[in-house]
Amino acid sequence: MKRPDKAFAMTRYLEEQLLAGAYSSGARMPSLRTLMRKFGVSYGTARRGMFYLCEKYPGIGKESGRGTYFSPEREQSTPAGNSSIIVFCEEKYFSSAGLYFSALKGITSAAQKEGVTIKSMIFDRSAHDAAYMRELTAGYDGAILLWQYDAVYQELDLRVPAVGIMMENSFDGSVSTVDLDPCLAAKLAVRYFKEHGIKTVKILSSMNNAFLLRGKIFAMLAAEEGIRCFAPVEECTSYRAGTGYLFTSDEWAHAACLKYQESCGRELAADHRIMGMDGKQLLLPEYSRFPTVAVDWEQIGTAAYNECTARIRDPRMAAKKIFLSGWFVNYPE
């Protein structure tokens, strides 16, 4: 369905809200009359604009007599096509639409073009074992793991072509992985600290494999430039002038910024030279702002889908590690 010209501002606003995580799973979206008043459009224009969004984003659906709701767990499918892919994600990220919704948008957009069915599934890695995940994949042709399930599972045999987003472990070559290019991200981070005369950098990271890899590569490249690095830690209890702080995830940096604001009443990025990685702050308006290496999460979702379907078509295809280039965002400077 073509986007109604008169509803352009309205539909663009709602799309931006979706990608920014403004609507959690099950949230009711603005009524047509609210949208009419906000954007100065007629009822018919608002209605056509909402139909356009429902068609473009299968996670949006109308419920008779109740309104329009955002439910990313709703099954996404098209009439044509024979293949089906199950997408796993943890509940706490499922209800926060930002990064997850962006990656899922890339997956479902590509699937709709090829007539492939996508089923989104909440799967809490702390509550279920890998054997149960394998049971859930039965009846599907492939699987996409949209979080760091390799942080808790030492073995994973899904018995279907699988792709992991933000995972490092390929589980003996059975799972392809897609993520931000850690080498390019590390180079950009080293350049940033070097340009600002930083000689010592503390690395703050979760202990998940993908994030540790980012920190490890940064430390190696930083040493070549004469920058001293500390081994990655999960939390910094004090900050020193002249020391740089690399967070291997924007999520980790945002948490540190909130804690610093609470204890000092000031902005961490204003007082110290810090940098994040992965660009989550660009998707979530409530995040703190600081320099980061961003990546297009919708493209990561598309890349994961393409890799999964390629392996479905050719089961003999070896699993791959796929890295997408990021770019430096010098914020707030």
C-alpha atoms as a PDB file:
ATOM      1  CA  MET A   1       0.000   0.000   0.000  1.00  0.00           C
ATOM      2  CA  LYS A   2       1.322   3.459  -0.920  1.00  0.00           C
ATOM      3  CA  ARG A   3       1.807   5.939   1.921  1.00  0.00           C
ATOM      4  CA  PRO A   4      -0.973   8.603   1.750  1.00  0.00           C
ATOM      5  CA  ASP A   5       0.726  11.924   0.938  1.00  0.00           C
ATOM      6  CA  LYS A   6      -1.433  13.908   3.374  1.00  0.00           C
ATOM      7  CA  ALA A   7      -0.597  11.484   6.170  1.00  0.00           C
ATOM      8  CA  PHE A   8       3.182  11.656   5.615  1.00  0.00           C
ATOM      9  CA  ALA A   9       3.963  13.670   8.762  1.00  0.00           C
ATOM     10  CA  MET A  10       1.710  11.445  10.861  1.00  0.00           C
ATOM     11  CA  THR A  11       3.123   8.127   9.623  1.00  0.00           C
ATOM     12  CA  ARG A  12       6.721   9.356   9.817  1.00  0.00           C
ATOM     13  CA  TYR A  13       6.156  10.459  13.426  1.00  0.00           C
ATOM     14  CA  LEU A  14       4.677   7.074  14.398  1.00  0.00           C
ATOM     15  CA  GLU A  15       7.484   5.175  12.662  1.00  0.00           C
ATOM     16  CA  GLU A  16      10.076   7.232  14.541  1.00  0.00           C
ATOM     17  CA  GLN A  17       8.256   6.527  17.802  1.00  0.00           C
ATOM     18  CA  LEU A  18       8.258   2.802  17.080  1.00  0.00           C
ATOM     19  CA  LEU A  19      11.981   2.709  16.319  1.00  0.00           C
ATOM     20  CA  ALA A  20      12.739   4.844  19.391  1.00  0.00           C
ATOM     21  CA  GLY A  21      11.009   2.320  21.644  1.00  0.00           C
ATOM     22  CA  ALA A  22       8.096   4.561  22.631  1.00  0.00           C
ATOM     23  CA  TYR A  23       5.631   1.663  22.375  1.00  0.00           C
ATOM     24  CA  SER A  24       6.263  -1.446  24.438  1.00  0.00           C
ATOM     25  CA  SER A  25       4.689  -4.777  23.594  1.00  0.00           C
ATOM     26  CA  GLY A  26       0.904  -4.584  24.012  1.00  0.00           C
ATOM     27  CA  ALA A  27       0.865  -0.777  24.106  1.00  0.00           C
ATOM     28  CA  ARG A  28      -2.118   1.028  22.626  1.00  0.00           C
ATOM     29  CA  MET A  29      -1.253   3.492  19.882  1.00  0.00           C
ATOM     30  CA  PRO A  30      -2.877   6.949  19.528  1.00  0.00           C
ATOM     31  CA  SER A  31      -6.491   6.940  18.404  1.00  0.00           C
ATOM     32  CA  LEU A  32      -7.460   8.258  14.986  1.00  0.00           C
ATOM     33  CA  ARG A  33      -9.144  11.288  16.545  1.00  0.00           C
ATOM     34  CA  THR A  34      -6.002  12.092  18.546  1.00  0.00           C
ATOM     35  CA  LEU A  35      -3.946  11.885  15.357  1.00  0.00           C
ATOM     36  CA  MET A  36      -6.486  14.057  13.505  1.00  0.00           C
ATOM     37  CA  ARG A  37      -6.050  16.840  16.074  1.00  0.00           C
ATOM     38  CA  LYS A  38      -2.268  16.506  16.348  1.00  0.00           C
ATOM     39  CA  PHE A  39      -1.555  16.577  12.599  1.00  0.00           C
ATOM     40  CA  GLY A  40      -4.563  18.504  11.302  1.00  0.00           C
ATOM     41  CA  VAL A  41      -5.766  15.753   8.983  1.00  0.00           C
ATOM     42  CA  SER A  42      -9.218  14.383   8.250  1.00  0.00           C
ATOM     43  CA  TYR A  43     -10.544  11.148   9.727  1.00  0.00           C
ATOM     44  CA  GLY A  44     -10.216   9.435   6.343  1.00  0.00           C
ATOM     45  CA  THR A  45      -6.571  10.527   5.958  1.00  0.00           C
ATOM     46  CA  ALA A  46      -5.678   9.380   9.486  1.00  0.00           C
ATOM     47  CA  ARG A  47      -7.436   6.061   8.842  1.00  0.00           C
ATOM     48  CA  ARG A  48      -5.573   5.486   5.552  1.00  0.00           C
ATOM     49  CA  GLY A  49      -2.292   6.370   7.253  1.00  0.00           C
ATOM     50  CA  MET A  50      -2.922   3.819  10.002  1.00  0.00           C
ATOM     51  CA  PHE A  51      -3.862   1.166   7.418  1.00  0.00           C
ATOM     52  CA  TYR A  52      -0.543   1.903   5.710  1.00  0.00           C
ATOM     53  CA  LEU A  53       1.358   1.322   8.982  1.00  0.00           C
ATOM     54  CA  CYS A  54      -0.560  -1.875   9.761  1.00  0.00           C
ATOM     55  CA  GLU A  55       0.367  -3.209   6.344  1.00  0.00           C
ATOM     56  CA  LYS A  56       4.014  -2.142   6.569  1.00  0.00           C
ATOM     57  CA  TYR A  57       4.538  -3.322  10.162  1.00  0.00           C
ATOM     58  CA  PRO A  58       2.731  -6.605  10.919  1.00  0.00           C
ATOM     59  CA  GLY A  59       3.384  -5.988  14.627  1.00  0.00           C
ATOM     60  CA  ILE A  60       0.713  -3.252  14.518  1.00  0.00           C
ATOM     61  CA  GLY A  61      -2.843  -4.545  14.557  1.00  0.00           C
ATOM     62  CA  LYS A  62      -6.374  -3.228  15.052  1.00  0.00           C
ATOM     63  CA  GLU A  63      -8.622  -4.826  17.650  1.00  0.00           C
ATOM     64  CA  SER A  64     -12.322  -4.306  16.991  1.00  0.00           C
ATOM     65  CA  GLY A  65     -13.851  -1.841  19.425  1.00  0.00           C
ATOM     66  CA  ARG A  66     -10.566  -1.351  21.326  1.00  0.00           C
ATOM     67  CA  GLY A  67      -8.158   0.487  19.046  1.00  0.00           C
ATOM     68  CA  THR A  68      -4.747  -0.143  17.501  1.00  0.00           C
ATOM     69  CA  TYR A  69      -2.033  -1.973  19.417  1.00  0.00           C
ATOM     70  CA  PHE A  70       1.670  -2.668  18.964  1.00  0.00           C
ATOM     71  CA  SER A  71       2.475  -6.357  19.519  1.00  0.00           C
ATOM     72  CA  PRO A  72       5.878  -7.315  18.043  1.00  0.00           C
ATOM     73  CA  GLU A  73       5.317 -10.925  19.139  1.00  0.00           C
ATOM     74  CA  ARG A  74       2.420 -11.238  16.684  1.00  0.00           C
ATOM     75  CA  GLU A  75       3.270 -13.763  13.983  1.00  0.00           C
ATOM     76  CA  GLN A  76       4.554 -12.104  10.844  1.00  0.00           C
ATOM     77  CA  SER A  77       3.713 -13.855   7.552  1.00  0.00           C
ATOM     78  CA  THR A  78       2.773 -13.418   3.937  1.00  0.00           C
ATOM     79  CA  PRO A  79       0.418 -15.644   1.934  1.00  0.00           C
ATOM     80  CA  ALA A  80       3.114 -16.922  -0.394  1.00  0.00           C
ATOM     81  CA  GLY A  81       6.237 -18.848   0.444  1.00  0.00           C
ATOM     82  CA  ASN A  82       7.072 -22.186   1.983  1.00  0.00           C
ATOM     83  CA  SER A  83       9.875 -21.414   4.442  1.00  0.00           C
ATOM     84  CA  SER A  84       9.447 -20.335   8.050  1.00  0.00           C
ATOM     85  CA  ILE A  85      11.944 -18.858  10.536  1.00  0.00           C
ATOM     86  CA  ILE A  86      11.595 -18.518  14.308  1.00  0.00           C
ATOM     87  CA  VAL A  87      13.200 -15.488  15.990  1.00  0.00           C
ATOM     88  CA  PHE A  88      14.153 -15.766  19.683  1.00  0.00           C
ATOM     89  CA  CYS A  89      14.584 -12.763  21.989  1.00  0.00           C
ATOM     90  CA  GLU A  90      14.609 -12.206  25.743  1.00  0.00           C
ATOM     91  CA  GLU A  91      11.514 -10.656  27.310  1.00  0.00           C
ATOM     92  CA  LYS A  92      13.181  -7.534  28.733  1.00  0.00           C
ATOM     93  CA  TYR A  93      14.326  -6.569  25.239  1.00  0.00           C
ATOM     94  CA  PHE A  94      11.124  -7.742  23.605  1.00  0.00           C
ATOM     95  CA  SER A  95       9.134  -5.069  25.446  1.00  0.00           C
ATOM     96  CA  SER A  96      11.696  -2.365  24.653  1.00  0.00           C
ATOM     97  CA  ALA A  97      11.138  -1.842  20.974  1.00  0.00           C
ATOM     98  CA  GLY A  98      14.296   0.106  20.065  1.00  0.00           C
ATOM     99  CA  LEU A  99      17.165  -2.138  18.985  1.00  0.00           C
ATOM    100  CA  TYR A 100      15.053  -5.277  18.894  1.00  0.00           C
ATOM    101  CA  PHE A 101      12.359  -3.665  16.765  1.00  0.00           C
ATOM    102  CA  SER A 102      14.967  -2.241  14.366  1.00  0.00           C
ATOM    103  CA  ALA A 103      16.572  -5.650  13.819  1.00  0.00           C
ATOM    104  CA  LEU A 104      13.182  -7.346  13.542  1.00  0.00           C
ATOM    105  CA  LYS A 105      12.086  -4.725  11.026  1.00  0.00           C
ATOM    106  CA  GLY A 106      15.037  -5.687   8.811  1.00  0.00           C
ATOM    107  CA  ILE A 107      14.178  -9.376   9.180  1.00  0.00           C
ATOM    108  CA  THR A 108      10.459  -9.049   8.460  1.00  0.00           C
ATOM    109  CA  SER A 109      10.880  -6.568   5.598  1.00  0.00           C
ATOM    110  CA  ALA A 110      13.184  -8.976   3.790  1.00  0.00           C
ATOM    111  CA  ALA A 111      10.908 -11.929   4.604  1.00  0.00           C
ATOM    112  CA  GLN A 112       7.823 -10.206   3.202  1.00  0.00           C
ATOM    113  CA  LYS A 113       9.540  -9.718  -0.143  1.00  0.00           C
ATOM    114  CA  GLU A 114      10.258 -13.439  -0.394  1.00  0.00           C
ATOM    115  CA  GLY A 115       7.070 -14.814   1.161  1.00  0.00           C
ATOM    116  CA  VAL A 116       8.825 -16.288   4.199  1.00  0.00           C
ATOM    117  CA  THR A 117       6.954 -16.620   7.516  1.00  0.00           C
ATOM    118  CA  ILE A 118       8.564 -15.086  10.604  1.00  0.00           C
ATOM    119  CA  LYS A 119       7.500 -16.092  14.129  1.00  0.00           C
ATOM    120  CA  SER A 120       8.765 -13.984  17.054  1.00  0.00           C
ATOM    121  CA  MET A 121       9.249 -15.856  20.332  1.00  0.00           C
ATOM    122  CA  ILE A 122      10.057 -14.625  23.837  1.00  0.00           C
ATOM    123  CA  PHE A 123      12.715 -16.961  25.209  1.00  0.00           C
ATOM    124  CA  ASP A 124      14.302 -16.240  28.586  1.00  0.00           C
ATOM    125  CA  ARG A 125      17.764 -17.787  28.602  1.00  0.00           C
ATOM    126  CA  SER A 126      17.824 -17.854  32.428  1.00  0.00           C
ATOM    127  CA  ALA A 127      14.570 -19.852  32.627  1.00  0.00           C
ATOM    128  CA  HIS A 128      14.999 -22.359  29.800  1.00  0.00           C
ATOM    129  CA  ASP A 129      17.788 -24.639  28.644  1.00  0.00           C
ATOM    130  CA  ALA A 130      19.175 -25.098  25.155  1.00  0.00           C
ATOM    131  CA  ALA A 131      17.289 -28.375  24.708  1.00  0.00           C
ATOM    132  CA  TYR A 132      13.973 -26.539  25.064  1.00  0.00           C
ATOM    133  CA  MET A 133      15.045 -24.002  22.460  1.00  0.00           C
ATOM    134  CA  ARG A 134      15.754 -26.896  20.108  1.00  0.00           C
ATOM    135  CA  GLU A 135      12.258 -28.284  20.755  1.00  0.00           C
ATOM    136  CA  LEU A 136      10.705 -24.932  19.830  1.00  0.00           C
ATOM    137  CA  THR A 137      12.515 -24.855  16.494  1.00  0.00           C
ATOM    138  CA  ALA A 138      10.812 -28.093  15.423  1.00  0.00           C
ATOM    139  CA  GLY A 139       8.619 -27.363  12.422  1.00  0.00           C
ATOM    140  CA  TYR A 140      10.641 -24.314  11.369  1.00  0.00           C
ATOM    141  CA  ASP A 141      13.228 -24.206   8.613  1.00  0.00           C
ATOM    142  CA  GLY A 142      15.625 -21.863  10.388  1.00  0.00           C
ATOM    143  CA  ALA A 143      16.204 -19.806  13.546  1.00  0.00           C
ATOM    144  CA  ILE A 144      17.544 -16.354  14.382  1.00  0.00           C
ATOM    145  CA  LEU A 145      18.781 -15.679  17.928  1.00  0.00           C
ATOM    146  CA  LEU A 146      18.383 -12.004  18.710  1.00  0.00           C
ATOM    147  CA  TRP A 147      20.541 -11.703  21.810  1.00  0.00           C
ATOM    148  CA  GLN A 148      23.561 -13.188  23.583  1.00  0.00           C
ATOM    149  CA  TYR A 149      22.392 -16.722  24.223  1.00  0.00           C
ATOM    150  CA  ASP A 150      26.010 -17.851  24.018  1.00  0.00           C
ATOM    151  CA  ALA A 151      26.546 -16.154  27.379  1.00  0.00           C
ATOM    152  CA  VAL A 152      24.794 -19.025  29.188  1.00  0.00           C
ATOM    153  CA  TYR A 153      24.757 -21.977  26.787  1.00  0.00           C
ATOM    154  CA  GLN A 154      27.977 -23.926  26.377  1.00  0.00           C
ATOM    155  CA  GLU A 155      26.386 -26.196  23.768  1.00  0.00           C
ATOM    156  CA  LEU A 156      23.620 -25.435  21.287  1.00  0.00           C
ATOM    157  CA  ASP A 157      22.384 -27.838  18.632  1.00  0.00           C
ATOM    158  CA  LEU A 158      19.192 -26.461  17.068  1.00  0.00           C
ATOM    159  CA  ARG A 159      19.332 -28.899  14.129  1.00  0.00           C
ATOM    160  CA  VAL A 160      18.224 -26.152  11.729  1.00  0.00           C
ATOM    161  CA  PRO A 161      20.268 -23.382  10.068  1.00  0.00           C
ATOM    162  CA  ALA A 162      20.716 -20.728  12.753  1.00  0.00           C
ATOM    163  CA  VAL A 163      22.072 -17.173  12.961  1.00  0.00           C
ATOM    164  CA  GLY A 164      22.949 -15.272  16.145  1.00  0.00           C
ATOM    165  CA  ILE A 165      22.891 -11.481  16.442  1.00  0.00           C
ATOM    166  CA  MET A 166      25.398 -10.023  18.940  1.00  0.00           C
ATOM    167  CA  MET A 167      26.837 -13.489  19.570  1.00  0.00           C
ATOM    168  CA  GLU A 168      30.461 -14.595  19.273  1.00  0.00           C
ATOM    169  CA  ASN A 169      30.269 -18.362  19.821  1.00  0.00           C
ATOM    170  CA  SER A 170      29.437 -20.261  16.622  1.00  0.00           C
ATOM    171  CA  PHE A 171      28.843 -23.503  18.588  1.00  0.00           C
ATOM    172  CA  ASP A 172      31.255 -25.652  16.605  1.00  0.00           C
ATOM    173  CA  GLY A 173      30.316 -23.986  13.341  1.00  0.00           C
ATOM    174  CA  SER A 174      26.563 -24.572  13.585  1.00  0.00           C
ATOM    175  CA  VAL A 175      25.518 -20.923  14.125  1.00  0.00           C
ATOM    176  CA  SER A 176      26.427 -18.002  11.881  1.00  0.00           C
ATOM    177  CA  THR A 177      26.885 -14.696  13.731  1.00  0.00           C
ATOM    178  CA  VAL A 178      26.139 -11.087  12.749  1.00  0.00           C
ATOM    179  CA  ASP A 179      27.362  -8.046  14.676  1.00  0.00           C
ATOM    180  CA  LEU A 180      29.096  -4.673  14.592  1.00  0.00           C
ATOM    181  CA  ASP A 181      32.600  -5.026  13.113  1.00  0.00           C
ATOM    182  CA  PRO A 182      34.765  -5.106  16.286  1.00  0.00           C
ATOM    183  CA  CYS A 183      37.996  -4.317  14.420  1.00  0.00           C
ATOM    184  CA  LEU A 184      36.680  -1.140  12.788  1.00  0.00           C
ATOM    185  CA  ALA A 185      34.949  -0.102  16.018  1.00  0.00           C
ATOM    186  CA  ALA A 186      38.211  -0.561  17.911  1.00  0.00           C
ATOM    187  CA  LYS A 187      40.159   1.461  15.338  1.00  0.00           C
ATOM    188  CA  LEU A 188      37.671   4.338  15.586  1.00  0.00           C
ATOM    189  CA  ALA A 189      37.836   4.232  19.388  1.00  0.00           C
ATOM    190  CA  VAL A 190      41.647   4.222  19.427  1.00  0.00           C
ATOM    191  CA  ARG A 191      41.678   7.178  17.040  1.00  0.00           C
ATOM    192  CA  TYR A 192      39.248   9.075  19.263  1.00  0.00           C
ATOM    193  CA  PHE A 193      41.277   8.655  22.449  1.00  0.00           C
ATOM    194  CA  LYS A 194      44.561   9.315  20.674  1.00  0.00           C
ATOM    195  CA  GLU A 195      43.271  12.565  19.158  1.00  0.00           C
ATOM    196  CA  HIS A 196      42.380  13.745  22.649  1.00  0.00           C
ATOM    197  CA  GLY A 197      45.763  12.873  24.130  1.00  0.00           C
ATOM    198  CA  ILE A 198      44.517  10.005  26.300  1.00  0.00           C
ATOM    199  CA  LYS A 199      47.322   7.649  27.338  1.00  0.00           C
ATOM    200  CA  THR A 200      45.381   5.368  29.676  1.00  0.00           C
ATOM    201  CA  VAL A 201      41.990   3.770  29.007  1.00  0.00           C
ATOM    202  CA  LYS A 202      39.818   1.651  31.264  1.00  0.00           C
ATOM    203  CA  ILE A 203      37.582  -0.847  29.474  1.00  0.00           C
ATOM    204  CA  LEU A 204      34.132  -1.421  30.953  1.00  0.00           C
ATOM    205  CA  SER A 205      32.103  -4.322  29.635  1.00  0.00           C
ATOM    206  CA  SER A 206      29.711  -7.107  30.383  1.00  0.00           C
ATOM    207  CA  MET A 207      31.414 -10.483  30.368  1.00  0.00           C
ATOM    208  CA  ASN A 208      29.476 -11.663  27.301  1.00  0.00           C
ATOM    209  CA  ASN A 209      31.657 -12.973  24.488  1.00  0.00           C
ATOM    210  CA  ALA A 210      30.798 -10.399  21.808  1.00  0.00           C
ATOM    211  CA  PHE A 211      31.489  -7.467  24.130  1.00  0.00           C
ATOM    212  CA  LEU A 212      34.703  -8.958  25.489  1.00  0.00           C
ATOM    213  CA  LEU A 213      35.924  -9.370  21.906  1.00  0.00           C
ATOM    214  CA  ARG A 214      35.389  -5.648  21.267  1.00  0.00           C
ATOM    215  CA  GLY A 215      37.439  -4.816  24.361  1.00  0.00           C
ATOM    216  CA  LYS A 216      40.181  -7.325  23.516  1.00  0.00           C
ATOM    217  CA  ILE A 217      40.692  -5.962  20.006  1.00  0.00           C
ATOM    218  CA  PHE A 218      40.651  -2.374  21.294  1.00  0.00           C
ATOM    219  CA  ALA A 219      43.332  -3.186  23.883  1.00  0.00           C
ATOM    220  CA  MET A 220      45.536  -4.796  21.232  1.00  0.00           C
ATOM    221  CA  LEU A 221      45.259  -1.860  18.808  1.00  0.00           C
ATOM    222  CA  ALA A 222      45.588   0.722  21.593  1.00  0.00           C
ATOM    223  CA  ALA A 223      48.857  -0.861  22.764  1.00  0.00           C
ATOM    224  CA  GLU A 224      50.274  -0.395  19.266  1.00  0.00           C
ATOM    225  CA  GLU A 225      49.595   3.338  19.644  1.00  0.00           C
ATOM    226  CA  GLY A 226      51.184   3.536  23.092  1.00  0.00           C
ATOM    227  CA  ILE A 227      47.878   3.650  24.980  1.00  0.00           C
ATOM    228  CA  ARG A 228      47.811   1.643  28.185  1.00  0.00           C
ATOM    229  CA  CYS A 229      44.643  -0.398  28.852  1.00  0.00           C
ATOM    230  CA  PHE A 230      43.266  -2.149  31.892  1.00  0.00           C
ATOM    231  CA  ALA A 231      41.588  -5.550  31.698  1.00  0.00           C
ATOM    232  CA  PRO A 232      37.810  -5.264  31.191  1.00  0.00           C
ATOM    233  CA  VAL A 233      35.707  -4.796  34.319  1.00  0.00           C
ATOM    234  CA  GLU A 234      31.947  -4.562  34.726  1.00  0.00           C
ATOM    235  CA  GLU A 235      31.850  -1.406  36.830  1.00  0.00           C
ATOM    236  CA  CYS A 236      33.949   1.663  37.573  1.00  0.00           C
ATOM    237  CA  THR A 237      33.730   2.996  41.128  1.00  0.00           C
ATOM    238  CA  SER A 238      35.747   6.166  40.514  1.00  0.00           C
ATOM    239  CA  TYR A 239      36.848   8.264  37.557  1.00  0.00           C
ATOM    240  CA  ARG A 240      40.196  10.014  37.148  1.00  0.00           C
ATOM    241  CA  ALA A 241      41.084  13.079  35.102  1.00  0.00           C
ATOM    242  CA  GLY A 242      43.193  12.237  32.062  1.00  0.00           C
ATOM    243  CA  THR A 243      41.953   8.637  31.890  1.00  0.00           C
ATOM    244  CA  GLY A 244      39.675   7.489  29.088  1.00  0.00           C
ATOM    245  CA  TYR A 245      36.780   5.088  29.555  1.00  0.00           C
ATOM    246  CA  LEU A 246      35.656   2.731  26.797  1.00  0.00           C
ATOM    247  CA  PHE A 247      32.287   1.036  27.227  1.00  0.00           C
ATOM    248  CA  THR A 248      31.876  -1.921  24.882  1.00  0.00           C
ATOM    249  CA  SER A 249      28.114  -1.289  24.743  1.00  0.00           C
ATOM    250  CA  ASP A 250      26.033   1.888  24.822  1.00  0.00           C
ATOM    251  CA  GLU A 251      23.789   0.107  27.322  1.00  0.00           C
ATOM    252  CA  TRP A 252      26.739  -0.251  29.694  1.00  0.00           C
ATOM    253  CA  ALA A 253      27.730   3.397  29.195  1.00  0.00           C
ATOM    254  CA  HIS A 254      24.180   4.632  29.766  1.00  0.00           C
ATOM    255  CA  ALA A 255      23.985   2.769  33.083  1.00  0.00           C
ATOM    256  CA  ALA A 256      27.272   4.353  34.181  1.00  0.00           C
ATOM    257  CA  CYS A 257      26.036   7.810  33.146  1.00  0.00           C
ATOM    258  CA  LEU A 258      22.879   7.416  35.226  1.00  0.00           C
ATOM    259  CA  LYS A 259      24.857   6.280  38.272  1.00  0.00           C
ATOM    260  CA  TYR A 260      27.320   9.163  37.890  1.00  0.00           C
ATOM    261  CA  GLN A 261      24.485  11.672  37.555  1.00  0.00           C
ATOM    262  CA  GLU A 262      22.858  10.297  40.687  1.00  0.00           C
ATOM    263  CA  SER A 263      26.042  10.449  42.762  1.00  0.00           C
ATOM    264  CA  CYS A 264      27.645  13.648  41.407  1.00  0.00           C
ATOM    265  CA  GLY A 265      24.774  15.595  39.899  1.00  0.00           C
ATOM    266  CA  ARG A 266      26.754  16.074  36.679  1.00  0.00           C
ATOM    267  CA  GLU A 267      27.074  14.468  33.245  1.00  0.00           C
ATOM    268  CA  LEU A 268      29.756  11.791  32.971  1.00  0.00           C
ATOM    269  CA  ALA A 269      30.489  12.653  29.312  1.00  0.00           C
ATOM    270  CA  ALA A 270      31.013  16.314  30.278  1.00  0.00           C
ATOM    271  CA  ASP A 271      33.495  15.523  33.077  1.00  0.00           C
ATOM    272  CA  HIS A 272      35.453  12.654  31.515  1.00  0.00           C
ATOM    273  CA  ARG A 273      36.495  11.323  28.134  1.00  0.00           C
ATOM    274  CA  ILE A 274      34.189   8.347  27.528  1.00  0.00           C
ATOM    275  CA  MET A 275      33.076   6.385  24.483  1.00  0.00           C
ATOM    276  CA  GLY A 276      30.455   3.721  23.790  1.00  0.00           C
ATOM    277  CA  MET A 277      29.971   1.105  21.104  1.00  0.00           C
ATOM    278  CA  ASP A 278      26.931  -0.053  19.084  1.00  0.00           C
ATOM    279  CA  GLY A 279      24.811   3.123  18.862  1.00  0.00           C
ATOM    280  CA  LYS A 280      21.813   2.069  20.987  1.00  0.00           C
ATOM    281  CA  GLN A 281      21.486   5.694  22.082  1.00  0.00           C
ATOM    282  CA  LEU A 282      20.432   6.638  18.541  1.00  0.00           C
ATOM    283  CA  LEU A 283      17.405   4.333  18.837  1.00  0.00           C
ATOM    284  CA  LEU A 284      16.327   5.129  22.382  1.00  0.00           C
ATOM    285  CA  PRO A 285      15.641   8.786  23.226  1.00  0.00           C
ATOM    286  CA  GLU A 286      15.953   8.211  26.982  1.00  0.00           C
ATOM    287  CA  TYR A 287      19.599   7.160  26.634  1.00  0.00           C
ATOM    288  CA  SER A 288      22.438   9.449  27.717  1.00  0.00           C
ATOM    289  CA  ARG A 289      24.476  11.053  24.947  1.00  0.00           C
ATOM    290  CA  PHE A 290      28.184  10.399  24.464  1.00  0.00           C
ATOM    291  CA  PRO A 291      30.581   9.576  21.587  1.00  0.00           C
ATOM    292  CA  THR A 292      29.939   6.106  20.190  1.00  0.00           C
ATOM    293  CA  VAL A 293      30.465   3.794  17.228  1.00  0.00           C
ATOM    294  CA  ALA A 294      26.984   3.269  15.778  1.00  0.00           C
ATOM    295  CA  VAL A 295      25.741   0.550  13.457  1.00  0.00           C
ATOM    296  CA  ASP A 296      22.532   0.162  11.444  1.00  0.00           C
ATOM    297  CA  TRP A 297      20.561  -2.451  13.380  1.00  0.00           C
ATOM    298  CA  GLU A 298      17.966  -2.801  10.646  1.00  0.00           C
ATOM    299  CA  GLN A 299      20.764  -3.803   8.262  1.00  0.00           C
ATOM    300  CA  ILE A 300      22.031  -6.282  10.838  1.00  0.00           C
ATOM    301  CA  GLY A 301      18.565  -7.842  10.920  1.00  0.00           C
ATOM    302  CA  THR A 302      18.499  -8.016   7.117  1.00  0.00           C
ATOM    303  CA  ALA A 303      21.960  -9.588   7.040  1.00  0.00           C
ATOM    304  CA  ALA A 304      20.885 -12.199   9.604  1.00  0.00           C
ATOM    305  CA  TYR A 305      17.787 -13.033   7.553  1.00  0.00           C
ATOM    306  CA  ASN A 306      19.770 -13.317   4.303  1.00  0.00           C
ATOM    307  CA  GLU A 307      22.327 -15.605   5.934  1.00  0.00           C
ATOM    308  CA  CYS A 308      19.603 -17.791   7.469  1.00  0.00           C
ATOM    309  CA  THR A 309      17.697 -18.224   4.193  1.00  0.00           C
ATOM    310  CA  ALA A 310      20.921 -18.891   2.268  1.00  0.00           C
ATOM    311  CA  ARG A 311      21.717 -21.739   4.657  1.00  0.00           C
ATOM    312  CA  ILE A 312      18.138 -23.024   4.425  1.00  0.00           C
ATOM    313  CA  ARG A 313      18.528 -23.232   0.636  1.00  0.00           C
ATOM    314  CA  ASP A 314      21.915 -24.935   0.942  1.00  0.00           C
ATOM    315  CA  PRO A 315      22.222 -26.918   4.206  1.00  0.00           C
ATOM    316  CA  ARG A 316      25.825 -27.769   3.315  1.00  0.00           C
ATOM    317  CA  MET A 317      26.831 -24.095   3.513  1.00  0.00           C
ATOM    318  CA  ALA A 318      29.317 -23.430   6.305  1.00  0.00           C
ATOM    319  CA  ALA A 319      28.408 -21.010   9.083  1.00  0.00           C
ATOM    320  CA  LYS A 320      29.958 -17.535   8.797  1.00  0.00           C
ATOM    321  CA  LYS A 321      30.949 -14.613  10.982  1.00  0.00           C
ATOM    322  CA  ILE A 322      29.445 -11.494   9.406  1.00  0.00           C
ATOM    323  CA  PHE A 323      30.504  -8.034  10.577  1.00  0.00           C
ATOM    324  CA  LEU A 324      28.856  -4.777   9.495  1.00  0.00           C
ATOM    325  CA  SER A 325      30.806  -1.544   9.479  1.00  0.00           C
ATOM    326  CA  GLY A 326      29.926   1.103  12.047  1.00  0.00           C
ATOM    327  CA  TRP A 327      30.545   4.842  12.021  1.00  0.00           C
ATOM    328  CA  PHE A 328      31.782   7.323  14.590  1.00  0.00           C
ATOM    329  CA  VAL A 329      29.185   9.584  16.207  1.00  0.00           C
ATOM    330  CA  ASN A 330      30.892  12.459  18.016  1.00  0.00           C
ATOM    331  CA  TYR A 331      28.116  13.331  20.420  1.00  0.00           C
ATOM    332  CA  PRO A 332      27.660  15.668  22.324  1.00  0.00           C
ATOM    333  CA  GLU A 333      30.622  17.622  20.881  1.00  0.00           C
END
